[in-house]
């Protein structure tokens, strides 16, 4: 059992390293990495949600917090950063809404 948890932890850390490295590469190359970056985030959020058994309220509340942060960043003047945060927030909204519909249909 501990071996499975260790393998899962290594897999999560690998995904996190890939995500962070694609974020760094995204700043230097803006062609295909712009499109792949948000797919990586979507897959990572779904994987984390399935392994840690998050409810839809987690995704919806975190998406609202990210949306609020992006609104503050837009007001402050960091529109480039705010746009990326808002796109991640949209991914959270979509996952949360789909998961809430599934939770409603199951119960």
N, C-alpha and C. Protein backbone atom coordinates (compact mmCIF):
# COMPACT_ATOMS: atom_id res chain seq x y z
N UNK A 1 0.83 -1.19 0.00
CA UNK A 1 0.00 0.00 0.00
C UNK A 1 0.87 1.25 0.00
N UNK A 2 1.95 1.25 0.76
CA UNK A 2 2.82 2.42 0.82
C UNK A 2 3.54 2.62 -0.51
N UNK A 3 3.80 1.53 -1.22
CA UNK A 3 4.46 1.63 -2.51
C UNK A 3 3.55 2.34 -3.51
N UNK A 4 2.25 2.05 -3.46
CA UNK A 4 1.31 2.72 -4.35
C UNK A 4 1.22 4.21 -4.06
N UNK A 5 1.22 4.56 -2.79
CA UNK A 5 1.17 5.97 -2.43
C UNK A 5 2.44 6.69 -2.85
N UNK A 6 3.57 6.01 -2.73
CA UNK A 6 4.83 6.60 -3.16
C UNK A 6 4.85 6.81 -4.67
N UNK A 7 4.36 5.83 -5.42
CA UNK A 7 4.30 5.97 -6.86
C UNK A 7 3.34 7.09 -7.27
N UNK A 8 2.23 7.22 -6.57
CA UNK A 8 1.28 8.29 -6.86
C UNK A 8 1.90 9.64 -6.56
N UNK A 9 2.65 9.74 -5.47
CA UNK A 9 3.32 10.99 -5.12
C UNK A 9 4.37 11.35 -6.17
N UNK A 10 5.13 10.37 -6.62
CA UNK A 10 6.13 10.62 -7.66
C UNK A 10 5.46 11.07 -8.95
N UNK A 11 4.34 10.46 -9.29
CA UNK A 11 3.61 10.85 -10.50
C UNK A 11 3.09 12.28 -10.38
N UNK A 12 2.56 12.63 -9.22
CA UNK A 12 2.07 14.00 -9.02
C UNK A 12 3.20 15.01 -9.10
N UNK A 13 4.33 14.70 -8.49
CA UNK A 13 5.47 15.61 -8.55
C UNK A 13 5.98 15.76 -9.99
N UNK A 14 5.96 14.68 -10.74
CA UNK A 14 6.38 14.75 -12.14
C UNK A 14 5.44 15.64 -12.94
N UNK A 15 4.14 15.48 -12.73
CA UNK A 15 3.19 16.35 -13.41
C UNK A 15 3.37 17.81 -13.01
N UNK A 16 3.66 18.04 -11.74
CA UNK A 16 3.87 19.40 -11.28
C UNK A 16 5.12 20.00 -11.92
N UNK A 17 6.18 19.23 -12.02
CA UNK A 17 7.41 19.72 -12.65
C UNK A 17 7.17 20.01 -14.13
N UNK A 18 6.43 19.15 -14.80
CA UNK A 18 6.11 19.39 -16.21
C UNK A 18 5.28 20.65 -16.35
N UNK A 19 4.32 20.85 -15.44
CA UNK A 19 3.49 22.04 -15.50
C UNK A 19 4.30 23.31 -15.29
N UNK A 20 5.16 23.31 -14.30
CA UNK A 20 5.98 24.48 -14.01
C UNK A 20 6.96 24.75 -15.15
N UNK A 21 7.56 23.68 -15.69
CA UNK A 21 8.50 23.89 -16.80
C UNK A 21 7.79 24.38 -18.05
N UNK A 22 6.56 23.91 -18.29
CA UNK A 22 5.83 24.42 -19.45
C UNK A 22 5.42 25.88 -19.23
N UNK A 23 5.21 26.26 -17.97
CA UNK A 23 4.93 27.67 -17.69
C UNK A 23 6.15 28.53 -17.98
N UNK A 24 7.32 28.04 -17.63
CA UNK A 24 8.55 28.79 -17.90
C UNK A 24 8.81 28.86 -19.40
N UNK A 25 8.62 27.75 -20.09
CA UNK A 25 8.83 27.72 -21.54
C UNK A 25 7.80 28.59 -22.24
N UNK A 26 6.59 28.65 -21.69
CA UNK A 26 5.51 29.45 -22.28
C UNK A 26 5.90 30.91 -22.36
N UNK A 27 6.68 31.39 -21.42
CA UNK A 27 7.09 32.78 -21.43
C UNK A 27 8.04 33.09 -22.58
N UNK A 28 8.75 32.09 -23.08
CA UNK A 28 9.73 32.32 -24.12
C UNK A 28 9.23 31.94 -25.51
N UNK A 29 8.35 30.98 -25.61
CA UNK A 29 7.81 30.57 -26.88
C UNK A 29 6.29 30.60 -26.78
N UNK A 30 5.66 31.28 -27.71
CA UNK A 30 4.22 31.47 -27.56
C UNK A 30 3.42 30.81 -28.68
N UNK A 31 3.95 29.80 -29.32
CA UNK A 31 3.19 29.19 -30.40
C UNK A 31 2.36 28.02 -29.89
N UNK A 32 2.95 26.85 -29.84
CA UNK A 32 2.20 25.66 -29.46
C UNK A 32 2.05 25.54 -27.94
N UNK A 33 2.97 26.14 -27.18
CA UNK A 33 2.90 26.03 -25.73
C UNK A 33 1.72 26.80 -25.15
N UNK A 34 1.26 27.84 -25.83
CA UNK A 34 0.07 28.54 -25.36
C UNK A 34 -1.14 27.62 -25.37
N UNK A 35 -1.23 26.78 -26.38
CA UNK A 35 -2.36 25.87 -26.47
C UNK A 35 -2.21 24.68 -25.54
N UNK A 36 -1.01 24.14 -25.45
CA UNK A 36 -0.79 22.95 -24.63
C UNK A 36 -0.79 23.24 -23.13
N UNK A 37 -0.43 24.45 -22.77
CA UNK A 37 -0.33 24.80 -21.35
C UNK A 37 -1.66 24.62 -20.63
N UNK A 38 -2.74 25.10 -21.22
CA UNK A 38 -4.03 25.01 -20.55
C UNK A 38 -4.60 23.59 -20.61
N UNK A 39 -4.21 22.80 -21.59
CA UNK A 39 -4.59 21.39 -21.59
C UNK A 39 -3.90 20.65 -20.46
N UNK A 40 -2.62 21.00 -20.20
CA UNK A 40 -1.90 20.41 -19.08
C UNK A 40 -2.58 20.76 -17.76
N UNK A 41 -2.99 22.01 -17.64
CA UNK A 41 -3.67 22.43 -16.40
C UNK A 41 -4.99 21.69 -16.23
N UNK A 42 -5.74 21.54 -17.33
CA UNK A 42 -7.00 20.81 -17.26
C UNK A 42 -6.78 19.37 -16.82
N UNK A 43 -5.82 18.70 -17.43
CA UNK A 43 -5.54 17.32 -17.06
C UNK A 43 -5.04 17.20 -15.63
N UNK A 44 -4.21 18.14 -15.22
CA UNK A 44 -3.70 18.11 -13.85
C UNK A 44 -4.83 18.34 -12.83
N UNK A 45 -5.72 19.28 -13.12
CA UNK A 45 -6.83 19.54 -12.20
C UNK A 45 -7.77 18.34 -12.11
N UNK A 46 -8.04 17.71 -13.23
CA UNK A 46 -8.90 16.53 -13.22
C UNK A 46 -8.23 15.39 -12.47
N UNK A 47 -6.94 15.18 -12.70
CA UNK A 47 -6.21 14.11 -12.02
C UNK A 47 -6.18 14.33 -10.52
N UNK A 48 -5.88 15.55 -10.10
CA UNK A 48 -5.85 15.84 -8.66
C UNK A 48 -7.23 15.67 -8.05
N UNK A 49 -8.26 16.12 -8.76
CA UNK A 49 -9.62 15.98 -8.25
C UNK A 49 -10.05 14.53 -8.11
N UNK A 50 -9.63 13.69 -9.05
CA UNK A 50 -9.99 12.28 -8.97
C UNK A 50 -9.21 11.55 -7.89
N UNK A 51 -7.96 11.91 -7.69
CA UNK A 51 -7.17 11.21 -6.67
C UNK A 51 -7.50 11.68 -5.26
N UNK A 52 -7.80 12.95 -5.10
CA UNK A 52 -8.08 13.47 -3.76
C UNK A 52 -9.58 13.57 -3.47
N UNK A 53 -10.43 13.18 -4.41
CA UNK A 53 -11.88 13.14 -4.25
C UNK A 53 -12.47 14.49 -3.85
N UNK A 54 -12.14 15.52 -4.62
CA UNK A 54 -12.70 16.84 -4.36
C UNK A 54 -14.16 16.89 -4.79
N UNK A 55 -14.94 17.68 -4.08
CA UNK A 55 -16.32 17.95 -4.46
C UNK A 55 -16.35 19.14 -5.40
N UNK A 56 -17.50 19.38 -5.99
CA UNK A 56 -17.62 20.49 -6.95
C UNK A 56 -17.47 21.84 -6.27
N UNK A 57 -17.80 21.94 -5.00
CA UNK A 57 -17.69 23.22 -4.30
C UNK A 57 -16.24 23.68 -4.21
N UNK A 58 -15.30 22.73 -4.15
CA UNK A 58 -13.90 23.09 -4.12
C UNK A 58 -13.50 23.78 -5.42
N UNK A 59 -13.88 23.18 -6.54
CA UNK A 59 -13.54 23.77 -7.83
C UNK A 59 -14.22 25.12 -8.04
N UNK A 60 -15.49 25.20 -7.67
CA UNK A 60 -16.21 26.46 -7.88
C UNK A 60 -15.67 27.58 -7.00
N UNK A 61 -15.36 27.26 -5.74
CA UNK A 61 -14.83 28.30 -4.86
C UNK A 61 -13.42 28.72 -5.25
N UNK A 62 -12.59 27.75 -5.64
CA UNK A 62 -11.24 28.12 -6.07
C UNK A 62 -11.28 28.89 -7.38
N UNK A 63 -12.20 28.57 -8.27
CA UNK A 63 -12.33 29.32 -9.51
C UNK A 63 -12.80 30.75 -9.23
N UNK A 64 -13.70 30.91 -8.26
CA UNK A 64 -14.14 32.27 -7.91
C UNK A 64 -12.99 33.08 -7.31
N UNK A 65 -12.19 32.45 -6.47
CA UNK A 65 -11.05 33.15 -5.88
C UNK A 65 -10.05 33.54 -6.96
N UNK A 66 -9.78 32.65 -7.91
CA UNK A 66 -8.87 32.98 -9.01
C UNK A 66 -9.44 34.09 -9.89
N UNK A 67 -10.75 34.06 -10.11
CA UNK A 67 -11.38 35.12 -10.89
C UNK A 67 -11.26 36.47 -10.19
N UNK A 68 -11.44 36.46 -8.88
CA UNK A 68 -11.31 37.68 -8.09
C UNK A 68 -9.87 38.20 -8.13
N UNK A 69 -8.90 37.28 -8.04
CA UNK A 69 -7.49 37.68 -8.13
C UNK A 69 -7.19 38.27 -9.50
N UNK A 70 -7.73 37.68 -10.55
CA UNK A 70 -7.48 38.21 -11.89
C UNK A 70 -8.14 39.57 -12.07
N UNK A 71 -9.28 39.79 -11.45
CA UNK A 71 -9.90 41.11 -11.52
C UNK A 71 -9.04 42.15 -10.82
N UNK A 72 -8.48 41.79 -9.68
CA UNK A 72 -7.59 42.71 -8.98
C UNK A 72 -6.34 42.99 -9.81
N UNK A 73 -5.78 41.95 -10.44
CA UNK A 73 -4.61 42.15 -11.29
C UNK A 73 -4.92 43.02 -12.50
N UNK A 74 -6.11 42.92 -13.02
CA UNK A 74 -6.50 43.77 -14.15
C UNK A 74 -6.59 45.23 -13.70
N UNK A 75 -7.16 45.45 -12.54
CA UNK A 75 -7.28 46.82 -12.03
C UNK A 75 -5.90 47.41 -11.74
N UNK A 76 -5.01 46.59 -11.19
CA UNK A 76 -3.66 47.05 -10.87
C UNK A 76 -2.87 47.37 -12.14
N UNK A 77 -3.12 46.62 -13.21
CA UNK A 77 -2.44 46.90 -14.47
C UNK A 77 -1.65 45.74 -15.03
N UNK A 78 -1.73 44.58 -14.43
CA UNK A 78 -1.01 43.41 -14.93
C UNK A 78 -1.96 42.56 -15.77
N UNK A 79 -2.30 43.07 -16.95
CA UNK A 79 -3.30 42.39 -17.77
C UNK A 79 -2.81 41.06 -18.34
N UNK A 80 -1.51 40.92 -18.61
CA UNK A 80 -1.00 39.67 -19.16
C UNK A 80 -1.12 38.54 -18.14
N UNK A 81 -0.76 38.83 -16.90
CA UNK A 81 -0.87 37.82 -15.84
C UNK A 81 -2.33 37.55 -15.54
N UNK A 82 -3.14 38.59 -15.53
CA UNK A 82 -4.56 38.44 -15.22
C UNK A 82 -5.27 37.58 -16.25
N UNK A 83 -4.86 37.67 -17.50
CA UNK A 83 -5.49 36.86 -18.54
C UNK A 83 -5.21 35.38 -18.33
N UNK A 84 -3.98 35.04 -17.97
CA UNK A 84 -3.65 33.64 -17.69
C UNK A 84 -4.39 33.11 -16.48
N UNK A 85 -4.48 33.91 -15.43
CA UNK A 85 -5.21 33.50 -14.23
C UNK A 85 -6.69 33.34 -14.53
N UNK A 86 -7.22 34.21 -15.38
CA UNK A 86 -8.64 34.12 -15.72
C UNK A 86 -8.93 32.88 -16.57
N UNK A 87 -7.99 32.49 -17.42
CA UNK A 87 -8.18 31.27 -18.20
C UNK A 87 -8.17 30.04 -17.30
N UNK A 88 -7.29 30.03 -16.32
CA UNK A 88 -7.26 28.92 -15.36
C UNK A 88 -8.56 28.91 -14.54
N UNK A 89 -9.06 30.09 -14.22
CA UNK A 89 -10.33 30.20 -13.50
C UNK A 89 -11.47 29.63 -14.34
N UNK A 90 -11.45 29.87 -15.63
CA UNK A 90 -12.48 29.33 -16.51
C UNK A 90 -12.44 27.80 -16.53
N UNK A 91 -11.25 27.24 -16.52
CA UNK A 91 -11.11 25.78 -16.46
C UNK A 91 -11.73 25.26 -15.17
N UNK A 92 -11.48 25.96 -14.07
CA UNK A 92 -12.06 25.56 -12.79
C UNK A 92 -13.57 25.66 -12.79
N UNK A 93 -14.11 26.71 -13.39
CA UNK A 93 -15.57 26.85 -13.49
C UNK A 93 -16.16 25.69 -14.29
N UNK A 94 -15.54 25.37 -15.41
CA UNK A 94 -16.07 24.29 -16.25
C UNK A 94 -16.04 22.95 -15.54
N UNK A 95 -14.93 22.65 -14.88
CA UNK A 95 -14.85 21.39 -14.15
C UNK A 95 -15.86 21.37 -13.00
N UNK A 96 -15.97 22.47 -12.27
CA UNK A 96 -16.90 22.54 -11.15
C UNK A 96 -18.35 22.40 -11.57
N UNK A 97 -18.72 23.06 -12.68
CA UNK A 97 -20.10 22.96 -13.14
C UNK A 97 -20.44 21.57 -13.66
N UNK A 98 -19.52 20.98 -14.40
CA UNK A 98 -19.77 19.62 -14.88
C UNK A 98 -19.84 18.64 -13.72
N UNK A 99 -18.96 18.80 -12.76
CA UNK A 99 -18.97 17.89 -11.61
C UNK A 99 -20.22 18.10 -10.77
N UNK A 100 -20.72 19.32 -10.64
CA UNK A 100 -21.95 19.54 -9.86
C UNK A 100 -23.16 18.93 -10.55
N UNK A 101 -23.17 18.96 -11.89
CA UNK A 101 -24.27 18.30 -12.62
C UNK A 101 -24.21 16.79 -12.40
N UNK A 102 -23.00 16.23 -12.45
CA UNK A 102 -22.85 14.78 -12.21
C UNK A 102 -23.24 14.43 -10.78
N UNK A 103 -22.84 15.25 -9.81
CA UNK A 103 -23.23 14.99 -8.41
C UNK A 103 -24.73 15.09 -8.23
N UNK A 104 -25.38 16.00 -8.96
CA UNK A 104 -26.83 16.15 -8.85
C UNK A 104 -27.54 14.94 -9.46
N UNK A 105 -27.02 14.46 -10.58
CA UNK A 105 -27.64 13.31 -11.24
C UNK A 105 -27.47 12.03 -10.42
N UNK A 106 -26.34 11.89 -9.71
CA UNK A 106 -26.09 10.69 -8.92
C UNK A 106 -26.97 10.67 -7.67
N UNK A 107 -27.15 11.83 -7.03
CA UNK A 107 -27.92 11.84 -5.77
C UNK A 107 -29.38 12.05 -5.98
